[in-house]
């Protein structure tokens, strides 16, 4: 999920919506995060 922001650098994780989960060094569920992007100039 991406969120337009002038306050943060593009690609910065703003919020973790759902924590990821590892079991014995295997990824069972990746984290779901909100990431900043630059606003459209149109």
C-alpha atoms as a PDB file:
ATOM      1  CA  UNK A   1       0.000   0.000   0.000  1.00  0.00           C
ATOM      2  CA  UNK A   2       1.407   3.412  -0.930  1.00  0.00           C
ATOM      3  CA  UNK A   3       0.601   6.779   0.621  1.00  0.00           C
ATOM      4  CA  UNK A   4       1.468  10.159  -0.924  1.00  0.00           C
ATOM      5  CA  UNK A   5       3.596  12.294   1.400  1.00  0.00           C
ATOM      6  CA  UNK A   6       5.752  15.418   1.088  1.00  0.00           C
ATOM      7  CA  UNK A   7       7.060  14.926   4.639  1.00  0.00           C
ATOM      8  CA  UNK A   8       8.847  11.600   4.081  1.00  0.00           C
ATOM      9  CA  UNK A   9      11.398  10.333   1.584  1.00  0.00           C
ATOM     10  CA  UNK A  10       9.989   8.030  -1.106  1.00  0.00           C
ATOM     11  CA  UNK A  11      10.088   4.368  -0.072  1.00  0.00           C
ATOM     12  CA  UNK A  12       9.992   5.039   3.680  1.00  0.00           C
ATOM     13  CA  UNK A  13       7.856   2.601   5.695  1.00  0.00           C
ATOM     14  CA  UNK A  14       5.230   4.738   7.438  1.00  0.00           C
ATOM     15  CA  UNK A  15       3.246   2.064   9.246  1.00  0.00           C
ATOM     16  CA  UNK A  16       3.235  -1.710   9.727  1.00  0.00           C
ATOM     17  CA  UNK A  17      -0.343  -2.855   9.100  1.00  0.00           C
ATOM     18  CA  UNK A  18       0.243  -6.578   9.700  1.00  0.00           C
ATOM     19  CA  UNK A  19       3.364  -8.061  11.247  1.00  0.00           C
ATOM     20  CA  UNK A  20       5.269 -10.676   9.267  1.00  0.00           C
ATOM     21  CA  UNK A  21       5.991 -14.106  10.691  1.00  0.00           C
ATOM     22  CA  UNK A  22       9.071 -16.349  10.533  1.00  0.00           C
ATOM     23  CA  UNK A  23       9.276 -19.937  11.758  1.00  0.00           C
ATOM     24  CA  UNK A  24      12.649 -21.708  11.820  1.00  0.00           C
ATOM     25  CA  UNK A  25      14.115 -19.082   9.428  1.00  0.00           C
ATOM     26  CA  UNK A  26      11.287 -19.658   6.911  1.00  0.00           C
ATOM     27  CA  UNK A  27       8.957 -16.843   5.931  1.00  0.00           C
ATOM     28  CA  UNK A  28       5.376 -17.862   6.645  1.00  0.00           C
ATOM     29  CA  UNK A  29       3.739 -14.453   6.185  1.00  0.00           C
ATOM     30  CA  UNK A  30       5.387 -11.260   4.876  1.00  0.00           C
ATOM     31  CA  UNK A  31       4.638  -7.994   6.644  1.00  0.00           C
ATOM     32  CA  UNK A  32       2.010  -5.677   5.167  1.00  0.00           C
ATOM     33  CA  UNK A  33       3.204  -2.060   5.295  1.00  0.00           C
ATOM     34  CA  UNK A  34       2.234   1.460   4.235  1.00  0.00           C
ATOM     35  CA  UNK A  35       5.031   3.065   2.155  1.00  0.00           C
ATOM     36  CA  UNK A  36       5.479   6.727   1.229  1.00  0.00           C
ATOM     37  CA  UNK A  37       5.606   7.952  -2.354  1.00  0.00           C
ATOM     38  CA  UNK A  38       5.939  11.386  -3.914  1.00  0.00           C
ATOM     39  CA  UNK A  39       2.646  13.101  -4.795  1.00  0.00           C
ATOM     40  CA  UNK A  40       1.667  13.415  -8.458  1.00  0.00           C
ATOM     41  CA  UNK A  41       2.442  16.840  -9.948  1.00  0.00           C
ATOM     42  CA  UNK A  42      -0.720  17.001 -12.077  1.00  0.00           C
END
